[in-house]
Amino acid sequence: MASTDAILAARLATEAGALLLALRRDHDPATGTQALRDAGDRAAQRLLAAALAEQRPGDAVLSEEAPDTAARLDARRVWIIDPLDGTREFGDGRDDWAVHVALWKDGELTAGAVALPGIGTTLTSDPAAVVPDHIPAAPPRIAVSRSRPPAAAQRAVAALGAELVPIGSAGFKVAAVVRGEADAYVHAGGQYEWDSAAPVAVARAAGLHASRLDGSPLVYNQADPYLPDLLVARPELADALLAAVAGPEQPVRSAS
């Protein structure tokens, strides 16, 4: 039976996704795409914040769309959320955006859900997703940013004959690995904890590798939530990818 925290994460991510779909459907194009993006960020944040305050009133929250407070650093339970991951894709009418809801408890990610409203799917940490088998003879497929594929991914192409698969939001890229549509996700150049917490919880539960590009652990609920790089991969590819992506990057504080 799924944990109550995982059930809550999945329900809230799904509900926020449904709200965002309705908001986009009812949007007046005359107000502009940026107005839709801003409205989506605000609406999903309100829904998640209110629900967590009601359902888990003693827990702290770290969100991309709310002011941060130092109080979470002393909390045992911290929800790490991204109410709308892939705001640009959402505003452009694409499907590759997501809603992230994760729980960090006593130093670990213990529950997570990534809603993919554009395709009517929510991935959860419990029950864990089943990753489809990979065809051994096929070249590795690496999910990367549509606008800023990192040099690290290009090194994997050179070393492993990998193919790059441009995808929108971070959550959708990790979901592509979980769903068997890619074999890895390589990111460098800037992210924050809310960009990866829920996707990493889902990926790890499914048996995938998740780490920094240098192989070091992903650490959450830090005073500075900047977490600039990420590798999510099938475990049998992880060592080869870690060796291939090693090299200099020029990180900037942005997410993709």
Protein backbone atom coordinates (compact mmCIF):
# COMPACT_ATOMS: atom_id res chain seq x y z
CA MET A 1 0.00 0.00 0.00
CA ALA A 2 1.34 3.41 -0.95
CA SER A 3 2.43 5.69 1.87
CA THR A 4 0.04 8.46 2.86
CA ASP A 5 2.67 11.07 1.94
CA ALA A 6 3.12 9.60 -1.55
CA ILE A 7 -0.64 9.46 -2.02
CA LEU A 8 -0.93 13.09 -0.97
CA ALA A 9 1.91 14.15 -3.26
CA ALA A 10 0.29 12.43 -6.23
CA ARG A 11 -3.14 13.85 -5.49
CA LEU A 12 -1.91 17.40 -5.10
CA ALA A 13 0.29 17.29 -8.20
CA THR A 14 -2.60 15.88 -10.23
CA GLU A 15 -5.06 18.47 -8.92
CA ALA A 16 -2.69 21.33 -9.66
CA GLY A 17 -2.18 19.95 -13.15
CA ALA A 18 -5.92 19.79 -13.77
CA LEU A 19 -6.27 23.39 -12.59
CA LEU A 20 -3.51 24.48 -14.97
CA LEU A 21 -5.12 22.69 -17.91
CA ALA A 22 -8.43 24.39 -17.20
CA LEU A 23 -6.72 27.75 -16.86
CA ARG A 24 -5.00 27.31 -20.23
CA ARG A 25 -8.21 26.13 -21.88
CA ASP A 26 -10.12 29.19 -20.66
CA HIS A 27 -7.34 31.68 -21.33
CA ASP A 28 -8.15 34.71 -23.49
CA PRO A 29 -5.35 34.88 -26.10
CA ALA A 30 -5.77 38.64 -26.25
CA THR A 31 -4.16 38.95 -22.81
CA GLY A 32 -0.90 37.43 -24.08
CA THR A 33 1.18 34.37 -23.34
CA GLN A 34 3.07 35.93 -20.44
CA ALA A 35 -0.19 36.64 -18.64
CA LEU A 36 -1.10 32.95 -18.93
CA ARG A 37 2.29 31.87 -17.60
CA ASP A 38 2.04 34.24 -14.63
CA ALA A 39 -1.53 33.17 -13.89
CA GLY A 40 -0.51 29.52 -14.00
CA ASP A 41 2.36 30.02 -11.55
CA ARG A 42 0.08 31.87 -9.13
CA ALA A 43 -2.88 29.52 -9.35
CA ALA A 44 -0.89 26.32 -8.88
CA GLN A 45 1.06 27.84 -5.99
CA ARG A 46 -2.16 28.87 -4.23
CA LEU A 47 -3.64 25.40 -4.61
CA LEU A 48 -0.58 23.55 -3.35
CA ALA A 49 0.15 25.95 -0.51
CA ALA A 50 -3.44 25.83 0.77
CA ALA A 51 -3.64 22.06 0.53
CA LEU A 52 -0.35 21.49 2.34
CA ALA A 53 -1.31 23.96 5.05
CA GLU A 54 -4.53 22.02 5.57
CA GLN A 55 -3.22 18.47 5.19
CA ARG A 56 0.25 18.84 6.74
CA PRO A 57 0.07 21.98 8.90
CA GLY A 58 3.25 21.19 10.83
CA ASP A 59 5.45 20.75 7.77
CA ALA A 60 7.67 23.35 6.12
CA VAL A 61 7.50 24.16 2.41
CA LEU A 62 10.15 25.20 -0.10
CA SER A 63 8.61 26.43 -3.34
CA GLU A 64 9.85 28.20 -6.43
CA GLU A 65 6.84 30.50 -6.23
CA ALA A 66 6.93 31.54 -2.57
CA PRO A 67 9.37 33.41 -0.31
CA ASP A 68 11.87 31.14 1.39
CA THR A 69 12.39 31.13 5.15
CA ALA A 70 15.20 29.79 7.29
CA ALA A 71 12.66 27.93 9.46
CA ARG A 72 12.69 24.98 7.06
CA LEU A 73 16.36 24.29 7.84
CA ASP A 74 15.40 23.07 11.32
CA ALA A 75 12.30 21.17 10.18
CA ARG A 76 12.18 17.37 9.99
CA ARG A 77 9.68 17.43 7.12
CA VAL A 78 9.89 19.84 4.17
CA TRP A 79 7.74 19.73 1.06
CA ILE A 80 9.74 20.82 -1.99
CA ILE A 81 7.43 21.91 -4.78
CA ASP A 82 7.48 23.42 -8.23
CA PRO A 83 3.88 24.42 -8.98
CA LEU A 84 4.59 24.78 -12.71
CA ASP A 85 7.79 23.30 -14.09
CA GLY A 86 8.11 24.41 -17.69
CA THR A 87 6.23 27.68 -17.61
CA ARG A 88 7.34 28.49 -21.16
CA GLU A 89 6.05 25.19 -22.53
CA PHE A 90 2.78 25.61 -20.64
CA GLY A 91 2.27 29.06 -22.09
CA ASP A 92 3.15 27.89 -25.59
CA GLY A 93 0.48 25.18 -25.54
CA ARG A 94 2.98 22.28 -25.44
CA ASP A 95 2.63 19.08 -23.42
CA ASP A 96 6.16 18.87 -21.96
CA TRP A 97 5.61 20.64 -18.63
CA ALA A 98 4.95 19.26 -15.17
CA VAL A 99 3.95 19.82 -11.54
CA HIS A 100 6.40 18.67 -8.84
CA VAL A 101 5.52 17.72 -5.26
CA ALA A 102 8.17 16.03 -3.07
CA LEU A 103 8.71 15.40 0.61
CA TRP A 104 12.14 15.65 2.23
CA LYS A 105 12.15 13.97 5.63
CA ASP A 106 15.07 13.62 8.05
CA GLY A 107 17.67 14.20 5.38
CA GLU A 108 16.18 12.16 2.52
CA LEU A 109 13.60 12.43 -0.22
CA THR A 110 10.90 10.05 0.98
CA ALA A 111 7.97 10.74 -1.36
CA GLY A 112 7.43 12.43 -4.66
CA ALA A 113 5.06 12.86 -7.57
CA VAL A 114 5.45 14.42 -11.00
CA ALA A 115 2.20 15.24 -12.79
CA LEU A 116 2.37 15.41 -16.59
CA PRO A 117 -1.01 17.02 -17.25
CA GLY A 118 -0.45 17.44 -20.98
CA ILE A 119 -0.45 13.65 -21.42
CA GLY A 120 -2.78 12.81 -18.53
CA THR A 121 -0.20 11.00 -16.40
CA THR A 122 1.17 11.30 -12.87
CA LEU A 123 4.31 9.40 -11.87
CA THR A 124 4.80 8.61 -8.19
CA SER A 125 7.44 7.20 -5.90
CA ASP A 126 4.97 4.77 -4.34
CA PRO A 127 3.84 2.76 -6.18
CA ALA A 128 7.03 3.08 -8.19
CA ALA A 129 6.94 3.23 -11.95
CA VAL A 130 8.22 0.27 -13.98
CA VAL A 131 10.90 1.37 -16.44
CA PRO A 132 10.58 -0.34 -19.83
CA ASP A 133 13.48 -2.45 -21.04
CA HIS A 134 16.15 -0.83 -23.20
CA ILE A 135 17.23 -2.34 -26.51
CA PRO A 136 20.94 -3.10 -25.84
CA ALA A 137 22.11 -2.45 -29.41
CA ALA A 138 20.45 0.96 -29.62
CA PRO A 139 22.50 4.12 -28.95
CA PRO A 140 21.77 5.85 -25.62
CA ARG A 141 19.14 8.56 -25.87
CA ILE A 142 19.86 11.59 -23.69
CA ALA A 143 17.14 14.08 -22.80
CA VAL A 144 18.42 17.66 -22.88
CA SER A 145 17.15 21.22 -22.81
CA ARG A 146 15.37 22.36 -25.95
CA SER A 147 17.18 25.69 -25.81
CA ARG A 148 20.48 25.04 -24.00
CA PRO A 149 21.83 21.49 -24.42
CA PRO A 150 24.90 21.36 -22.16
CA ALA A 151 28.45 20.68 -23.29
CA ALA A 152 28.39 17.66 -20.97
CA ALA A 153 25.74 16.05 -23.14
CA GLN A 154 27.79 16.72 -26.25
CA ARG A 155 30.70 14.90 -24.60
CA ALA A 156 28.41 11.91 -24.07
CA VAL A 157 27.51 12.02 -27.76
CA ALA A 158 31.20 11.94 -28.69
CA ALA A 159 32.15 9.22 -26.20
CA LEU A 160 29.14 6.92 -26.43
CA GLY A 161 27.52 7.67 -29.77
CA ALA A 162 24.51 8.95 -27.88
CA GLU A 163 21.55 10.70 -29.45
CA LEU A 164 20.18 13.94 -27.97
CA VAL A 165 16.44 14.21 -27.36
CA PRO A 166 15.35 17.86 -26.81
CA ILE A 167 12.49 18.07 -24.28
CA GLY A 168 10.92 20.94 -22.35
CA SER A 169 10.75 20.94 -18.57
CA ALA A 170 13.11 19.16 -16.16
CA GLY A 171 10.29 17.05 -14.79
CA PHE A 172 9.25 15.94 -18.25
CA LYS A 173 12.86 15.03 -19.10
CA VAL A 174 13.19 12.79 -16.04
CA ALA A 175 9.77 11.36 -16.82
CA ALA A 176 11.02 10.49 -20.30
CA VAL A 177 13.71 8.31 -18.70
CA VAL A 178 11.22 6.72 -16.31
CA ARG A 179 8.80 6.08 -19.19
CA GLY A 180 11.50 4.57 -21.40
CA GLU A 181 11.45 7.37 -23.97
CA ALA A 182 15.04 8.32 -23.10
CA ASP A 183 17.88 6.51 -21.35
CA ALA A 184 19.32 9.45 -19.43
CA TYR A 185 18.88 13.12 -18.64
CA VAL A 186 21.97 15.29 -18.48
CA HIS A 187 21.70 18.83 -17.13
CA ALA A 188 24.34 21.45 -16.40
CA GLY A 189 24.12 25.20 -16.18
CA GLY A 190 21.75 25.87 -13.33
CA GLN A 191 18.82 24.40 -11.43
CA TYR A 192 17.29 24.64 -7.98
CA GLU A 193 16.09 22.00 -5.56
CA TRP A 194 12.47 22.30 -6.70
CA ASP A 195 13.49 21.50 -10.28
CA SER A 196 14.72 18.02 -9.38
CA ALA A 197 13.40 16.91 -5.96
CA ALA A 198 10.14 15.27 -7.08
CA PRO A 199 11.57 13.87 -10.34
CA VAL A 200 14.54 12.40 -8.47
CA ALA A 201 12.26 10.81 -5.86
CA VAL A 202 10.24 9.20 -8.65
CA ALA A 203 13.34 8.13 -10.60
CA ARG A 204 15.08 6.57 -7.61
CA ALA A 205 11.96 4.66 -6.63
CA ALA A 206 11.89 3.24 -10.16
CA GLY A 207 15.49 2.01 -9.75
CA LEU A 208 17.22 4.70 -11.80
CA HIS A 209 20.53 6.37 -10.99
CA ALA A 210 20.37 10.02 -9.86
CA SER A 211 23.36 12.15 -8.86
CA ARG A 212 25.35 15.26 -9.58
CA LEU A 213 27.41 15.16 -12.79
CA ASP A 214 30.55 14.40 -10.78
CA GLY A 215 28.79 11.44 -9.18
CA SER A 216 28.32 13.11 -5.80
CA PRO A 217 24.96 12.88 -4.00
CA LEU A 218 22.08 15.26 -4.60
CA VAL A 219 21.51 17.00 -1.27
CA TYR A 220 18.24 18.80 -0.49
CA ASN A 221 16.88 21.31 2.02
CA GLN A 222 20.06 23.37 1.96
CA ALA A 223 20.29 27.02 2.98
CA ASP A 224 21.04 27.87 -0.65
CA PRO A 225 18.67 25.76 -2.79
CA TYR A 226 20.82 26.14 -5.91
CA LEU A 227 21.60 22.65 -7.26
CA PRO A 228 23.15 23.30 -10.65
CA ASP A 229 23.61 19.94 -12.35
CA LEU A 230 21.99 16.54 -12.55
CA LEU A 231 22.30 13.10 -14.10
CA VAL A 232 19.37 10.68 -14.15
CA ALA A 233 20.08 7.47 -16.02
CA ARG A 234 19.45 3.79 -16.36
CA PRO A 235 21.79 2.17 -13.81
CA GLU A 236 23.63 0.12 -16.42
CA LEU A 237 24.60 3.36 -18.24
CA ALA A 238 25.46 5.47 -15.20
CA ASP A 239 29.19 4.75 -14.92
CA ALA A 240 29.82 5.29 -18.63
CA LEU A 241 27.82 8.51 -18.62
CA LEU A 242 29.56 9.85 -15.53
CA ALA A 243 32.91 9.25 -17.19
CA ALA A 244 31.74 10.82 -20.44
CA VAL A 245 30.23 14.00 -18.99
CA ALA A 246 33.26 14.87 -16.82
CA GLY A 247 34.61 18.24 -17.86
CA PRO A 248 34.24 21.98 -17.36
CA GLU A 249 30.88 23.73 -17.43
CA GLN A 250 29.90 27.35 -16.97
CA PRO A 251 26.92 27.19 -14.63
CA VAL A 252 24.47 30.06 -14.45
CA ARG A 253 21.58 30.48 -12.07
CA SER A 254 18.75 29.44 -14.30
CA ALA A 255 16.69 26.29 -14.65
CA SER A 256 15.77 24.13 -17.60
